[in-house]
Amino acid sequence: MEIRIKELREERGLSQAQLAAAVGLSQNTISQYETGILEPKNKTIKKLCEYFGVTAGYLLGFEEY
């Protein structure tokens, strides 16, 4: 699964730590999502979608913006 967290974060000029603080996660967790070590749970996907203003399908790489 191609999760677009890094792409969205970088487009907005955010560090991993800034994104983590904004959505209530640790910087390490964001890093692991971006490298594919971990996959976010549904609750986290919802938070990230709301934060970035995108659909879950886009965030998870299933659809184009």
PDB file of N, CA and C in Angstrom:
ATOM      1  N   MET A   1       0.850  -1.185   0.000  1.00  0.00           N
ATOM      2  CA  MET A   1       0.000   0.000   0.000  1.00  0.00           C
ATOM      3  C   MET A   1       0.893   1.244   0.000  1.00  0.00           C
ATOM      4  N   GLU A   2       0.624   2.152  -0.903  1.00  0.00           N
ATOM      5  CA  GLU A   2       1.378   3.399  -0.990  1.00  0.00           C
ATOM      6  C   GLU A   2       0.653   4.473  -0.186  1.00  0.00           C
ATOM      7  N   ILE A   3       1.129   4.710   1.005  1.00  0.00           N
ATOM      8  CA  ILE A   3       0.513   5.728   1.845  1.00  0.00           C
ATOM      9  C   ILE A   3       1.191   7.065   1.549  1.00  0.00           C
ATOM     10  N   ARG A   4       0.409   8.091   1.295  1.00  0.00           N
ATOM     11  CA  ARG A   4       0.928   9.381   0.841  1.00  0.00           C
ATOM     12  C   ARG A   4       1.204  10.362   1.978  1.00  0.00           C
ATOM     13  N   ILE A   5       1.480   9.885   3.149  1.00  0.00           N
ATOM     14  CA  ILE A   5       1.702  10.795   4.276  1.00  0.00           C
ATOM     15  C   ILE A   5       2.910  11.686   4.024  1.00  0.00           C
ATOM     16  N   LYS A   6       4.006  11.106   3.603  1.00  0.00           N
ATOM     17  CA  LYS A   6       5.229  11.897   3.381  1.00  0.00           C
ATOM     18  C   LYS A   6       4.999  12.957   2.309  1.00  0.00           C
ATOM     19  N   GLU A   7       4.383  12.555   1.212  1.00  0.00           N
ATOM     20  CA  GLU A   7       4.103  13.487   0.123  1.00  0.00           C
ATOM     21  C   GLU A   7       3.262  14.671   0.611  1.00  0.00           C
ATOM     22  N   LEU A   8       2.198  14.386   1.329  1.00  0.00           N
ATOM     23  CA  LEU A   8       1.317  15.440   1.838  1.00  0.00           C
ATOM     24  C   LEU A   8       2.026  16.317   2.869  1.00  0.00           C
ATOM     25  N   ARG A   9       2.805  15.690   3.723  1.00  0.00           N
ATOM     26  CA  ARG A   9       3.538  16.432   4.755  1.00  0.00           C
ATOM     27  C   ARG A   9       4.539  17.382   4.117  1.00  0.00           C
ATOM     28  N   GLU A  10       5.301  16.877   3.158  1.00  0.00           N
ATOM     29  CA  GLU A  10       6.317  17.709   2.512  1.00  0.00           C
ATOM     30  C   GLU A  10       5.707  18.831   1.685  1.00  0.00           C
ATOM     31  N   GLU A  11       4.569  18.573   1.028  1.00  0.00           N
ATOM     32  CA  GLU A  11       3.879  19.620   0.263  1.00  0.00           C
ATOM     33  C   GLU A  11       3.510  20.801   1.150  1.00  0.00           C
ATOM     34  N   ARG A  12       3.255  20.529   2.411  1.00  0.00           N
ATOM     35  CA  ARG A  12       2.857  21.574   3.355  1.00  0.00           C
ATOM     36  C   ARG A  12       4.027  22.117   4.173  1.00  0.00           C
ATOM     37  N   GLY A  13       5.224  21.633   3.891  1.00  0.00           N
ATOM     38  CA  GLY A  13       6.422  22.127   4.559  1.00  0.00           C
ATOM     39  C   GLY A  13       6.509  21.748   6.027  1.00  0.00           C
ATOM     40  N   LEU A  14       5.958  20.603   6.372  1.00  0.00           N
ATOM     41  CA  LEU A  14       5.945  20.163   7.770  1.00  0.00           C
ATOM     42  C   LEU A  14       7.042  19.153   8.039  1.00  0.00           C
ATOM     43  N   SER A  15       7.594  19.196   9.229  1.00  0.00           N
ATOM     44  CA  SER A  15       8.498  18.132   9.669  1.00  0.00           C
ATOM     45  C   SER A  15       7.653  16.979  10.198  1.00  0.00           C
ATOM     46  N   GLN A  16       8.284  15.841  10.363  1.00  0.00           N
ATOM     47  CA  GLN A  16       7.564  14.712  10.964  1.00  0.00           C
ATOM     48  C   GLN A  16       7.095  15.080  12.365  1.00  0.00           C
ATOM     49  N   ALA A  17       7.928  15.784  13.110  1.00  0.00           N
ATOM     50  CA  ALA A  17       7.567  16.168  14.480  1.00  0.00           C
ATOM     51  C   ALA A  17       6.364  17.110  14.493  1.00  0.00           C
ATOM     52  N   GLN A  18       6.306  18.044  13.558  1.00  0.00           N
ATOM     53  CA  GLN A  18       5.171  18.972  13.493  1.00  0.00           C
ATOM     54  C   GLN A  18       3.874  18.241  13.159  1.00  0.00           C
ATOM     55  N   LEU A  19       3.936  17.330  12.195  1.00  0.00           N
ATOM     56  CA  LEU A  19       2.744  16.559  11.853  1.00  0.00           C
ATOM     57  C   LEU A  19       2.323  15.693  13.030  1.00  0.00           C
ATOM     58  N   ALA A  20       3.285  15.052  13.658  1.00  0.00           N
ATOM     59  CA  ALA A  20       2.989  14.193  14.804  1.00  0.00           C
ATOM     60  C   ALA A  20       2.269  14.964  15.897  1.00  0.00           C
ATOM     61  N   ALA A  21       2.758  16.151  16.211  1.00  0.00           N
ATOM     62  CA  ALA A  21       2.135  16.970  17.250  1.00  0.00           C
ATOM     63  C   ALA A  21       0.721  17.383  16.846  1.00  0.00           C
ATOM     64  N   ALA A  22       0.535  17.685  15.581  1.00  0.00           N
ATOM     65  CA  ALA A  22      -0.775  18.147  15.105  1.00  0.00           C
ATOM     66  C   ALA A  22      -1.845  17.061  15.178  1.00  0.00           C
ATOM     67  N   VAL A  23      -1.441  15.798  15.004  1.00  0.00           N
ATOM     68  CA  VAL A  23      -2.436  14.719  14.990  1.00  0.00           C
ATOM     69  C   VAL A  23      -2.339  13.802  16.213  1.00  0.00           C
ATOM     70  N   GLY A  24      -1.488  14.151  17.168  1.00  0.00           N
ATOM     71  CA  GLY A  24      -1.425  13.399  18.420  1.00  0.00           C
ATOM     72  C   GLY A  24      -0.696  12.070  18.343  1.00  0.00           C
ATOM     73  N   LEU A  25       0.344  12.017  17.522  1.00  0.00           N
ATOM     74  CA  LEU A  25       1.158  10.810  17.404  1.00  0.00           C
ATOM     75  C   LEU A  25       2.607  11.149  17.725  1.00  0.00           C
ATOM     76  N   SER A  26       3.451  10.140  17.785  1.00  0.00           N
ATOM     77  CA  SER A  26       4.881  10.400  17.980  1.00  0.00           C
ATOM     78  C   SER A  26       5.558  10.570  16.622  1.00  0.00           C
ATOM     79  N   GLN A  27       6.682  11.251  16.617  1.00  0.00           N
ATOM     80  CA  GLN A  27       7.452  11.431  15.391  1.00  0.00           C
ATOM     81  C   GLN A  27       7.894  10.070  14.861  1.00  0.00           C
ATOM     82  N   ASN A  28       8.246   9.168  15.745  1.00  0.00           N
ATOM     83  CA  ASN A  28       8.678   7.834  15.345  1.00  0.00           C
ATOM     84  C   ASN A  28       7.556   7.087  14.610  1.00  0.00           C
ATOM     85  N   THR A  29       6.334   7.246  15.078  1.00  0.00           N
ATOM     86  CA  THR A  29       5.196   6.594  14.426  1.00  0.00           C
ATOM     87  C   THR A  29       5.002   7.146  13.017  1.00  0.00           C
ATOM     88  N   ILE A  30       5.091   8.458  12.856  1.00  0.00           N
ATOM     89  CA  ILE A  30       4.980   9.062  11.522  1.00  0.00           C
ATOM     90  C   ILE A  30       6.076   8.509  10.621  1.00  0.00           C
ATOM     91  N   SER A  31       7.288   8.440  11.123  1.00  0.00           N
ATOM     92  CA  SER A  31       8.406   7.896  10.356  1.00  0.00           C
ATOM     93  C   SER A  31       8.131   6.466   9.911  1.00  0.00           C
ATOM     94  N   GLN A  32       7.594   5.661  10.810  1.00  0.00           N
ATOM     95  CA  GLN A  32       7.308   4.270  10.469  1.00  0.00           C
ATOM     96  C   GLN A  32       6.172   4.144   9.459  1.00  0.00           C
ATOM     97  N   TYR A  33       5.206   5.041   9.503  1.00  0.00           N
ATOM     98  CA  TYR A  33       4.159   5.052   8.473  1.00  0.00           C
ATOM     99  C   TYR A  33       4.774   5.395   7.119  1.00  0.00           C
ATOM    100  N   GLU A  34       5.629   6.401   7.106  1.00  0.00           N
ATOM    101  CA  GLU A  34       6.216   6.862   5.851  1.00  0.00           C
ATOM    102  C   GLU A  34       7.145   5.826   5.221  1.00  0.00           C
ATOM    103  N   THR A  35       7.788   5.024   6.021  1.00  0.00           N
ATOM    104  CA  THR A  35       8.709   4.006   5.487  1.00  0.00           C
ATOM    105  C   THR A  35       8.048   2.654   5.276  1.00  0.00           C
ATOM    106  N   GLY A  36       6.784   2.529   5.676  1.00  0.00           N
ATOM    107  CA  GLY A  36       6.057   1.292   5.469  1.00  0.00           C
ATOM    108  C   GLY A  36       6.263   0.240   6.544  1.00  0.00           C
ATOM    109  N   ILE A  37       6.933   0.604   7.621  1.00  0.00           N
ATOM    110  CA  ILE A  37       7.134  -0.339   8.725  1.00  0.00           C
ATOM    111  C   ILE A  37       5.803  -0.613   9.424  1.00  0.00           C
ATOM    112  N   LEU A  38       5.011   0.444   9.594  1.00  0.00           N
ATOM    113  CA  LEU A  38       3.682   0.330  10.204  1.00  0.00           C
ATOM    114  C   LEU A  38       2.638   0.842   9.228  1.00  0.00           C
ATOM    115  N   GLU A  39       1.435   0.338   9.364  1.00  0.00           N
ATOM    116  CA  GLU A  39       0.291   0.877   8.631  1.00  0.00           C
ATOM    117  C   GLU A  39      -0.655   1.505   9.650  1.00  0.00           C
ATOM    118  N   PRO A  40      -1.153   2.697   9.361  1.00  0.00           N
ATOM    119  CA  PRO A  40      -2.045   3.356  10.318  1.00  0.00           C
ATOM    120  C   PRO A  40      -3.370   2.618  10.470  1.00  0.00           C
ATOM    121  N   LYS A  41      -3.901   2.648  11.674  1.00  0.00           N
ATOM    122  CA  LYS A  41      -5.216   2.070  11.942  1.00  0.00           C
ATOM    123  C   LYS A  41      -6.285   3.036  11.428  1.00  0.00           C
ATOM    124  N   ASN A  42      -7.508   2.550  11.342  1.00  0.00           N
ATOM    125  CA  ASN A  42      -8.605   3.354  10.793  1.00  0.00           C
ATOM    126  C   ASN A  42      -8.768   4.697  11.496  1.00  0.00           C
ATOM    127  N   LYS A  43      -8.667   4.701  12.815  1.00  0.00           N
ATOM    128  CA  LYS A  43      -8.820   5.945  13.579  1.00  0.00           C
ATOM    129  C   LYS A  43      -7.743   6.964  13.179  1.00  0.00           C
ATOM    130  N   THR A  44      -6.529   6.478  12.971  1.00  0.00           N
ATOM    131  CA  THR A  44      -5.430   7.361  12.576  1.00  0.00           C
ATOM    132  C   THR A  44      -5.600   7.822  11.142  1.00  0.00           C
ATOM    133  N   ILE A  45      -6.060   6.940  10.273  1.00  0.00           N
ATOM    134  CA  ILE A  45      -6.322   7.330   8.882  1.00  0.00           C
ATOM    135  C   ILE A  45      -7.336   8.469   8.857  1.00  0.00           C
ATOM    136  N   LYS A  46      -8.375   8.351   9.662  1.00  0.00           N
ATOM    137  CA  LYS A  46      -9.396   9.400   9.720  1.00  0.00           C
ATOM    138  C   LYS A  46      -8.791  10.726  10.174  1.00  0.00           C
ATOM    139  N   LYS A  47      -7.953  10.697  11.209  1.00  0.00           N
ATOM    140  CA  LYS A  47      -7.303  11.926  11.699  1.00  0.00           C
ATOM    141  C   LYS A  47      -6.442  12.559  10.611  1.00  0.00           C
ATOM    142  N   LEU A  48      -5.661  11.726   9.931  1.00  0.00           N
ATOM    143  CA  LEU A  48      -4.778  12.245   8.888  1.00  0.00           C
ATOM    144  C   LEU A  48      -5.570  12.816   7.722  1.00  0.00           C
ATOM    145  N   CYS A  49      -6.651  12.153   7.342  1.00  0.00           N
ATOM    146  CA  CYS A  49      -7.498  12.658   6.255  1.00  0.00           C
ATOM    147  C   CYS A  49      -8.108  14.004   6.619  1.00  0.00           C
ATOM    148  N   GLU A  50      -8.599  14.117   7.829  1.00  0.00           N
ATOM    149  CA  GLU A  50      -9.174  15.383   8.277  1.00  0.00           C
ATOM    150  C   GLU A  50      -8.111  16.475   8.304  1.00  0.00           C
ATOM    151  N   TYR A  51      -6.935  16.146   8.787  1.00  0.00           N
ATOM    152  CA  TYR A  51      -5.861  17.132   8.877  1.00  0.00           C
ATOM    153  C   TYR A  51      -5.450  17.628   7.488  1.00  0.00           C
ATOM    154  N   PHE A  52      -5.257  16.695   6.555  1.00  0.00           N
ATOM    155  CA  PHE A  52      -4.787  17.062   5.222  1.00  0.00           C
ATOM    156  C   PHE A  52      -5.915  17.464   4.275  1.00  0.00           C
ATOM    157  N   GLY A  53      -7.163  17.182   4.641  1.00  0.00           N
ATOM    158  CA  GLY A  53      -8.289  17.522   3.772  1.00  0.00           C
ATOM    159  C   GLY A  53      -8.363  16.645   2.532  1.00  0.00           C
ATOM    160  N   VAL A  54      -8.051  15.355   2.698  1.00  0.00           N
ATOM    161  CA  VAL A  54      -8.103  14.413   1.583  1.00  0.00           C
ATOM    162  C   VAL A  54      -8.973  13.219   1.968  1.00  0.00           C
ATOM    163  N   THR A  55      -9.316  12.418   0.964  1.00  0.00           N
ATOM    164  CA  THR A  55     -10.087  11.206   1.234  1.00  0.00           C
ATOM    165  C   THR A  55      -9.156  10.085   1.678  1.00  0.00           C
ATOM    166  N   ALA A  56      -9.737   9.084   2.297  1.00  0.00           N
ATOM    167  CA  ALA A  56      -8.956   7.911   2.693  1.00  0.00           C
ATOM    168  C   ALA A  56      -8.398   7.214   1.451  1.00  0.00           C
ATOM    169  N   GLY A  57      -9.185   7.165   0.395  1.00  0.00           N
ATOM    170  CA  GLY A  57      -8.720   6.558  -0.847  1.00  0.00           C
ATOM    171  C   GLY A  57      -7.474   7.229  -1.386  1.00  0.00           C
ATOM    172  N   TYR A  58      -7.441   8.557  -1.318  1.00  0.00           N
ATOM    173  CA  TYR A  58      -6.256   9.282  -1.774  1.00  0.00           C
ATOM    174  C   TYR A  58      -5.077   9.035  -0.831  1.00  0.00           C
ATOM    175  N   LEU A  59      -5.307   9.171   0.458  1.00  0.00           N
ATOM    176  CA  LEU A  59      -4.238   8.987   1.438  1.00  0.00           C
ATOM    177  C   LEU A  59      -3.582   7.623   1.287  1.00  0.00           C
ATOM    178  N   LEU A  60      -4.393   6.611   1.029  1.00  0.00           N
ATOM    179  CA  LEU A  60      -3.895   5.245   0.943  1.00  0.00           C
ATOM    180  C   LEU A  60      -3.425   4.857  -0.455  1.00  0.00           C
ATOM    181  N   GLY A  61      -3.503   5.780  -1.405  1.00  0.00           N
ATOM    182  CA  GLY A  61      -2.976   5.535  -2.738  1.00  0.00           C
ATOM    183  C   GLY A  61      -3.910   4.802  -3.670  1.00  0.00           C
ATOM    184  N   PHE A  62      -5.195   4.737  -3.332  1.00  0.00           N
ATOM    185  CA  PHE A  62      -6.151   4.046  -4.173  1.00  0.00           C
ATOM    186  C   PHE A  62      -6.777   4.939  -5.236  1.00  0.00           C
ATOM    187  N   GLU A  63      -6.685   6.244  -5.058  1.00  0.00           N
ATOM    188  CA  GLU A  63      -7.275   7.160  -6.032  1.00  0.00           C
ATOM    189  C   GLU A  63      -6.400   8.392  -6.173  1.00  0.00           C
ATOM    190  N   GLU A  64      -6.606   9.092  -7.273  1.00  0.00           N
ATOM    191  CA  GLU A  64      -5.886  10.332  -7.518  1.00  0.00           C
ATOM    192  C   GLU A  64      -6.689  11.504  -6.983  1.00  0.00           C
ATOM    193  N   TYR A  65      -6.037  12.588  -6.725  1.00  0.00           N
ATOM    194  CA  TYR A  65      -6.675  13.767  -6.145  1.00  0.00           C
ATOM    195  C   TYR A  65      -7.492  14.510  -7.138  1.00  0.00           C
TER     196      TYR A  65
END
